[in-house]
C-alpha atoms as a PDB file:
ATOM      1  CA  UNK A   1      84.748 115.402  95.788  1.00  0.00           C
ATOM      2  CA  UNK A   2      88.219 114.643  93.810  1.00  0.00           C
ATOM      3  CA  UNK A   3      91.052 116.871  94.060  1.00  0.00           C
ATOM      4  CA  UNK A   4      92.180 118.417  90.886  1.00  0.00           C
ATOM      5  CA  UNK A   5      96.183 116.409  90.967  1.00  0.00           C
ATOM      6  CA  UNK A   6      97.383 117.577  87.837  1.00  0.00           C
ATOM      7  CA  UNK A   7      97.799 120.770  90.046  1.00  0.00           C
ATOM      8  CA  UNK A   8     100.983 119.354  91.851  1.00  0.00           C
ATOM      9  CA  UNK A   9      99.088 120.687  95.140  1.00  0.00           C
ATOM     10  CA  UNK A  10     100.797 117.894  97.611  1.00  0.00           C
ATOM     11  CA  UNK A  11     101.025 118.177 101.167  1.00  0.00           C
ATOM     12  CA  UNK A  12     103.638 116.501 103.187  1.00  0.00           C
ATOM     13  CA  UNK A  13     100.972 113.068 103.607  1.00  0.00           C
ATOM     14  CA  UNK A  14     101.038 113.030  99.735  1.00  0.00           C
ATOM     15  CA  UNK A  15     104.557 112.977  99.641  1.00  0.00           C
ATOM     16  CA  UNK A  16     105.105 109.887 101.677  1.00  0.00           C
ATOM     17  CA  UNK A  17     102.553 107.962 100.315  1.00  0.00           C
ATOM     18  CA  UNK A  18     104.146 108.195  96.978  1.00  0.00           C
ATOM     19  CA  UNK A  19     107.230 106.797  98.964  1.00  0.00           C
ATOM     20  CA  UNK A  20     105.343 104.069  99.202  1.00  0.00           C
ATOM     21  CA  UNK A  21     103.343 103.299  96.007  1.00  0.00           C
ATOM     22  CA  UNK A  22     106.108 104.288  93.760  1.00  0.00           C
ATOM     23  CA  UNK A  23     108.543 101.445  92.416  1.00  0.00           C
ATOM     24  CA  UNK A  24     111.226 101.738  89.396  1.00  0.00           C
ATOM     25  CA  UNK A  25     113.084 104.188  87.560  1.00  0.00           C
ATOM     26  CA  UNK A  26     114.522 104.759  83.986  1.00  0.00           C
ATOM     27  CA  UNK A  27     116.419 107.182  82.225  1.00  0.00           C
ATOM     28  CA  UNK A  28     119.345 107.572  79.607  1.00  0.00           C
ATOM     29  CA  UNK A  29     120.590 109.997  76.493  1.00  0.00           C
ATOM     30  CA  UNK A  30     118.813 110.722  73.295  1.00  0.00           C
ATOM     31  CA  UNK A  31     119.110 113.159  69.946  1.00  0.00           C
ATOM     32  CA  UNK A  32     117.527 116.749  69.013  1.00  0.00           C
ATOM     33  CA  UNK A  33     114.031 115.961  67.151  1.00  0.00           C
ATOM     34  CA  UNK A  34     112.380 118.823  64.544  1.00  0.00           C
ATOM     35  CA  UNK A  35     108.810 119.308  64.382  1.00  0.00           C
ATOM     36  CA  UNK A  36     106.756 122.063  64.311  1.00  0.00           C
ATOM     37  CA  UNK A  37     106.763 122.078  68.192  1.00  0.00           C
ATOM     38  CA  UNK A  38     110.173 122.179  70.117  1.00  0.00           C
ATOM     39  CA  UNK A  39     111.200 118.177  71.166  1.00  0.00           C
ATOM     40  CA  UNK A  40     112.714 116.995  73.971  1.00  0.00           C
ATOM     41  CA  UNK A  41     115.812 115.210  73.668  1.00  0.00           C
ATOM     42  CA  UNK A  42     114.847 111.290  73.773  1.00  0.00           C
ATOM     43  CA  UNK A  43     115.753 109.128  76.674  1.00  0.00           C
ATOM     44  CA  UNK A  44     114.099 106.175  77.585  1.00  0.00           C
ATOM     45  CA  UNK A  45     111.136 104.439  75.553  1.00  0.00           C
ATOM     46  CA  UNK A  46     108.701 103.278  78.791  1.00  0.00           C
ATOM     47  CA  UNK A  47     105.415 101.438  78.150  1.00  0.00           C
ATOM     48  CA  UNK A  48     106.501  98.085  77.441  1.00  0.00           C
ATOM     49  CA  UNK A  49     107.169  94.941  79.484  1.00  0.00           C
ATOM     50  CA  UNK A  50     110.335  95.048  81.387  1.00  0.00           C
ATOM     51  CA  UNK A  51     110.192  99.446  81.001  1.00  0.00           C
ATOM     52  CA  UNK A  52     109.748 101.451  83.963  1.00  0.00           C
ATOM     53  CA  UNK A  53     106.430 101.615  83.333  1.00  0.00           C
ATOM     54  CA  UNK A  54     104.359  98.978  81.835  1.00  0.00           C
ATOM     55  CA  UNK A  55     101.277 100.749  79.994  1.00  0.00           C
ATOM     56  CA  UNK A  56      98.929 100.091  77.184  1.00  0.00           C
ATOM     57  CA  UNK A  57     100.817 102.872  75.038  1.00  0.00           C
ATOM     58  CA  UNK A  58     104.478 103.148  74.618  1.00  0.00           C
ATOM     59  CA  UNK A  59     106.290 106.432  73.975  1.00  0.00           C
ATOM     60  CA  UNK A  60     109.920 108.127  74.642  1.00  0.00           C
ATOM     61  CA  UNK A  61     110.635 110.349  77.852  1.00  0.00           C
ATOM     62  CA  UNK A  62     112.825 113.084  77.587  1.00  0.00           C
ATOM     63  CA  UNK A  63     116.691 112.466  78.744  1.00  0.00           C
ATOM     64  CA  UNK A  64     117.345 112.508  82.018  1.00  0.00           C
ATOM     65  CA  UNK A  65     113.482 112.933  83.025  1.00  0.00           C
ATOM     66  CA  UNK A  66     112.847 109.568  85.544  1.00  0.00           C
ATOM     67  CA  UNK A  67     109.802 107.371  85.236  1.00  0.00           C
ATOM     68  CA  UNK A  68     108.474 105.341  88.190  1.00  0.00           C
ATOM     69  CA  UNK A  69     105.114 103.138  87.822  1.00  0.00           C
ATOM     70  CA  UNK A  70     102.346 104.001  90.304  1.00  0.00           C
ATOM     71  CA  UNK A  71     101.063 100.791  92.252  1.00  0.00           C
ATOM     72  CA  UNK A  72      97.745 102.191  93.094  1.00  0.00           C
ATOM     73  CA  UNK A  73      96.636  98.969  94.725  1.00  0.00           C
ATOM     74  CA  UNK A  74      99.178  99.627  97.447  1.00  0.00           C
ATOM     75  CA  UNK A  75      97.232 102.480  99.010  1.00  0.00           C
ATOM     76  CA  UNK A  76      94.945  99.722 100.676  1.00  0.00           C
ATOM     77  CA  UNK A  77      97.852  99.102 102.524  1.00  0.00           C
ATOM     78  CA  UNK A  78      97.981 102.326 104.191  1.00  0.00           C
ATOM     79  CA  UNK A  79      96.238 104.172 107.064  1.00  0.00           C
ATOM     80  CA  UNK A  80      92.233 105.377 106.524  1.00  0.00           C
ATOM     81  CA  UNK A  81      93.293 108.889 106.457  1.00  0.00           C
ATOM     82  CA  UNK A  82      96.037 108.417 103.936  1.00  0.00           C
ATOM     83  CA  UNK A  83      93.589 105.869 101.762  1.00  0.00           C
ATOM     84  CA  UNK A  84      91.532 108.890 101.620  1.00  0.00           C
ATOM     85  CA  UNK A  85      94.323 110.934 100.296  1.00  0.00           C
ATOM     86  CA  UNK A  86      95.442 107.794  97.935  1.00  0.00           C
ATOM     87  CA  UNK A  87      91.716 107.613  96.585  1.00  0.00           C
ATOM     88  CA  UNK A  88      92.140 111.686  95.694  1.00  0.00           C
ATOM     89  CA  UNK A  89      95.558 111.800  94.740  1.00  0.00           C
ATOM     90  CA  UNK A  90      95.595 108.621  92.224  1.00  0.00           C
ATOM     91  CA  UNK A  91      92.022 108.837  90.636  1.00  0.00           C
ATOM     92  CA  UNK A  92      90.633 111.726  88.329  1.00  0.00           C
ATOM     93  CA  UNK A  93      87.486 111.043  86.394  1.00  0.00           C
ATOM     94  CA  UNK A  94      87.795 107.977  84.704  1.00  0.00           C
ATOM     95  CA  UNK A  95      91.394 107.248  85.088  1.00  0.00           C
ATOM     96  CA  UNK A  96      94.245 106.103  87.467  1.00  0.00           C
ATOM     97  CA  UNK A  97      97.509 107.448  88.057  1.00  0.00           C
ATOM     98  CA  UNK A  98      99.679 104.562  86.137  1.00  0.00           C
ATOM     99  CA  UNK A  99     103.613 106.270  86.028  1.00  0.00           C
ATOM    100  CA  UNK A 100     104.788 109.199  87.516  1.00  0.00           C
ATOM    101  CA  UNK A 101     107.802 110.845  85.318  1.00  0.00           C
ATOM    102  CA  UNK A 102     109.519 112.983  86.842  1.00  0.00           C
ATOM    103  CA  UNK A 103     111.464 116.508  85.172  1.00  0.00           C
ATOM    104  CA  UNK A 104     113.267 117.345  88.720  1.00  0.00           C
ATOM    105  CA  UNK A 105     116.688 115.169  87.308  1.00  0.00           C
ATOM    106  CA  UNK A 106     116.679 117.887  83.897  1.00  0.00           C
ATOM    107  CA  UNK A 107     116.653 120.963  86.264  1.00  0.00           C
ATOM    108  CA  UNK A 108     112.862 121.143  86.107  1.00  0.00           C
ATOM    109  CA  UNK A 109     109.943 121.405  88.745  1.00  0.00           C
ATOM    110  CA  UNK A 110     107.025 118.985  87.646  1.00  0.00           C
ATOM    111  CA  UNK A 111     105.769 115.689  85.879  1.00  0.00           C
ATOM    112  CA  UNK A 112     104.760 114.179  83.322  1.00  0.00           C
ATOM    113  CA  UNK A 113     102.120 111.770  84.411  1.00  0.00           C
ATOM    114  CA  UNK A 114      99.986 108.956  82.876  1.00  0.00           C
ATOM    115  CA  UNK A 115      96.754 107.379  83.501  1.00  0.00           C
ATOM    116  CA  UNK A 116      95.054 104.092  82.425  1.00  0.00           C
ATOM    117  CA  UNK A 117      91.019 103.389  82.483  1.00  0.00           C
ATOM    118  CA  UNK A 118      89.090 100.525  82.074  1.00  0.00           C
ATOM    119  CA  UNK A 119      88.095  99.408  78.917  1.00  0.00           C
ATOM    120  CA  UNK A 120      85.013 100.587  77.607  1.00  0.00           C
ATOM    121  CA  UNK A 121      82.645 102.692  75.080  1.00  0.00           C
ATOM    122  CA  UNK A 122      84.150 106.403  75.791  1.00  0.00           C
ATOM    123  CA  UNK A 123      85.809 108.149  73.168  1.00  0.00           C
ATOM    124  CA  UNK A 124      89.307 109.789  73.826  1.00  0.00           C
ATOM    125  CA  UNK A 125      87.419 113.306  73.868  1.00  0.00           C
ATOM    126  CA  UNK A 126      84.694 111.926  76.472  1.00  0.00           C
ATOM    127  CA  UNK A 127      87.825 110.825  78.883  1.00  0.00           C
ATOM    128  CA  UNK A 128      89.876 113.691  78.536  1.00  0.00           C
ATOM    129  CA  UNK A 129      86.522 115.921  78.893  1.00  0.00           C
ATOM    130  CA  UNK A 130      85.986 113.586  82.183  1.00  0.00           C
ATOM    131  CA  UNK A 131      89.293 114.180  83.494  1.00  0.00           C
ATOM    132  CA  UNK A 132      89.430 118.137  82.949  1.00  0.00           C
ATOM    133  CA  UNK A 133      86.566 118.464  84.507  1.00  0.00           C
ATOM    134  CA  UNK A 134      87.727 116.640  87.493  1.00  0.00           C
ATOM    135  CA  UNK A 135      90.288 119.412  88.248  1.00  0.00           C
ATOM    136  CA  UNK A 136      89.573 122.279  90.727  1.00  0.00           C
ATOM    137  CA  UNK A 137      88.674 125.278  88.915  1.00  0.00           C
ATOM    138  CA  UNK A 138      89.605 124.376  85.318  1.00  0.00           C
ATOM    139  CA  UNK A 139      89.226 127.621  82.740  1.00  0.00           C
ATOM    140  CA  UNK A 140      89.945 128.294  79.401  1.00  0.00           C
ATOM    141  CA  UNK A 141      89.877 125.155  78.125  1.00  0.00           C
ATOM    142  CA  UNK A 142      90.396 124.593  74.322  1.00  0.00           C
ATOM    143  CA  UNK A 143      90.332 121.152  72.686  1.00  0.00           C
ATOM    144  CA  UNK A 144      91.505 119.665  69.695  1.00  0.00           C
ATOM    145  CA  UNK A 145      92.227 116.040  67.981  1.00  0.00           C
ATOM    146  CA  UNK A 146      95.972 115.588  67.174  1.00  0.00           C
ATOM    147  CA  UNK A 147      97.572 112.401  65.045  1.00  0.00           C
ATOM    148  CA  UNK A 148     100.821 110.956  65.215  1.00  0.00           C
ATOM    149  CA  UNK A 149     101.703 107.946  63.333  1.00  0.00           C
ATOM    150  CA  UNK A 150      98.406 105.650  63.449  1.00  0.00           C
ATOM    151  CA  UNK A 151      97.517 107.181  66.723  1.00  0.00           C
ATOM    152  CA  UNK A 152      94.398 109.671  66.733  1.00  0.00           C
ATOM    153  CA  UNK A 153      93.315 110.891  70.087  1.00  0.00           C
ATOM    154  CA  UNK A 154      92.138 114.251  71.807  1.00  0.00           C
ATOM    155  CA  UNK A 155      94.291 117.086  73.472  1.00  0.00           C
ATOM    156  CA  UNK A 156      93.303 119.920  76.083  1.00  0.00           C
ATOM    157  CA  UNK A 157      95.011 123.085  77.070  1.00  0.00           C
ATOM    158  CA  UNK A 158      93.641 125.030  80.235  1.00  0.00           C
ATOM    159  CA  UNK A 159      94.598 126.522  83.521  1.00  0.00           C
ATOM    160  CA  UNK A 160      94.156 126.039  86.857  1.00  0.00           C
ATOM    161  CA  UNK A 161      94.464 128.031  90.204  1.00  0.00           C
ATOM    162  CA  UNK A 162      97.416 129.201  90.837  1.00  0.00           C
ATOM    163  CA  UNK A 163      96.990 131.242  94.037  1.00  0.00           C
ATOM    164  CA  UNK A 164      95.234 134.469  94.323  1.00  0.00           C
ATOM    165  CA  UNK A 165      94.485 135.642  91.287  1.00  0.00           C
ATOM    166  CA  UNK A 166      97.013 133.814  89.384  1.00  0.00           C
ATOM    167  CA  UNK A 167      96.439 130.618  86.820  1.00  0.00           C
ATOM    168  CA  UNK A 168      99.015 127.888  85.331  1.00  0.00           C
ATOM    169  CA  UNK A 169      99.044 126.354  82.407  1.00  0.00           C
ATOM    170  CA  UNK A 170      97.983 122.640  82.014  1.00  0.00           C
ATOM    171  CA  UNK A 171      98.354 120.043  78.832  1.00  0.00           C
ATOM    172  CA  UNK A 172      96.823 116.804  78.511  1.00  0.00           C
ATOM    173  CA  UNK A 173      95.851 114.661  75.970  1.00  0.00           C
ATOM    174  CA  UNK A 174      93.726 111.066  76.035  1.00  0.00           C
ATOM    175  CA  UNK A 175      93.760 107.834  73.544  1.00  0.00           C
ATOM    176  CA  UNK A 176      91.629 104.794  73.514  1.00  0.00           C
ATOM    177  CA  UNK A 177      93.331 101.553  73.555  1.00  0.00           C
ATOM    178  CA  UNK A 178      91.841  97.815  73.512  1.00  0.00           C
ATOM    179  CA  UNK A 179      93.084  97.768  77.179  1.00  0.00           C
ATOM    180  CA  UNK A 180      91.172 101.179  78.071  1.00  0.00           C
ATOM    181  CA  UNK A 181      91.660 104.668  77.723  1.00  0.00           C
ATOM    182  CA  UNK A 182      95.510 106.641  78.526  1.00  0.00           C
ATOM    183  CA  UNK A 183      95.897 109.834  79.492  1.00  0.00           C
ATOM    184  CA  UNK A 184      98.853 112.062  79.406  1.00  0.00           C
ATOM    185  CA  UNK A 185      99.003 115.417  81.314  1.00  0.00           C
ATOM    186  CA  UNK A 186     101.519 117.893  81.968  1.00  0.00           C
ATOM    187  CA  UNK A 187     101.153 120.140  85.011  1.00  0.00           C
ATOM    188  CA  UNK A 188     104.412 122.360  87.113  1.00  0.00           C
ATOM    189  CA  UNK A 189     104.800 124.640  89.547  1.00  0.00           C
ATOM    190  CA  UNK A 190     104.202 127.596  87.284  1.00  0.00           C
ATOM    191  CA  UNK A 191     103.805 128.931  83.944  1.00  0.00           C
ATOM    192  CA  UNK A 192     107.405 129.328  83.579  1.00  0.00           C
ATOM    193  CA  UNK A 193     108.248 125.737  84.470  1.00  0.00           C
ATOM    194  CA  UNK A 194     105.538 124.015  82.254  1.00  0.00           C
ATOM    195  CA  UNK A 195     106.983 126.387  79.613  1.00  0.00           C
ATOM    196  CA  UNK A 196     110.200 124.543  79.607  1.00  0.00           C
ATOM    197  CA  UNK A 197     109.033 120.985  80.116  1.00  0.00           C
ATOM    198  CA  UNK A 198     106.683 121.272  76.994  1.00  0.00           C
ATOM    199  CA  UNK A 199     109.002 119.641  74.671  1.00  0.00           C
ATOM    200  CA  UNK A 200     109.288 116.705  76.778  1.00  0.00           C
ATOM    201  CA  UNK A 201     105.241 116.427  76.534  1.00  0.00           C
ATOM    202  CA  UNK A 202     105.658 117.243  72.514  1.00  0.00           C
ATOM    203  CA  UNK A 203     108.528 114.382  72.535  1.00  0.00           C
ATOM    204  CA  UNK A 204     105.957 112.245  74.372  1.00  0.00           C
ATOM    205  CA  UNK A 205     103.075 112.874  72.240  1.00  0.00           C
ATOM    206  CA  UNK A 206     104.622 112.325  69.053  1.00  0.00           C
ATOM    207  CA  UNK A 207     106.109 109.158  69.651  1.00  0.00           C
ATOM    208  CA  UNK A 208     103.049 107.800  71.445  1.00  0.00           C
ATOM    209  CA  UNK A 209     102.373 104.611  70.321  1.00  0.00           C
ATOM    210  CA  UNK A 210      99.540 102.247  70.905  1.00  0.00           C
ATOM    211  CA  UNK A 211     100.549  98.098  71.377  1.00  0.00           C
ATOM    212  CA  UNK A 212      99.694  95.958  68.778  1.00  0.00           C
END
């Protein structure tokens, strides 16, 4: 069974694993944007060759957030026990983690994670449904279509368990490209952290572009 890694339930072994798997970083300054939703100040742009994470898409990350590329293939170089953990941590539904953008330098606890998959016939909604279904205990899921620039994709808002009867909010979006699908996911320690990080997610969504 795959674990819902978007829930940020990681033990010490996973923390060690990420130290092995993750390389690179980026940060920068920017300006306030306006729109129907609050958008964070711009920091670096990632996705292009030479950026912290080379991806099938490009987008802006929030000021002070730090992006690190995740090398999923490096999981094969760890012990068998860690390899099992790596598989559960790095794969969710049809996609594999490719980039982790840490909010800690900006004062929050959580990540905006980017997942990529192999090219295929599935549309963005189908990819996102598979991704969300791979979570542990996902509930109250709502889907909608979004458009930014010339990019159209699917977006989901849902909750996952957070201990006892508590839940916490999750946001995810998916787009398809000629190089395969891309999923962006925002979790967080709790609802307060999630709400405080939403402007960074909105910045990524509104600046998301596929490569020519």
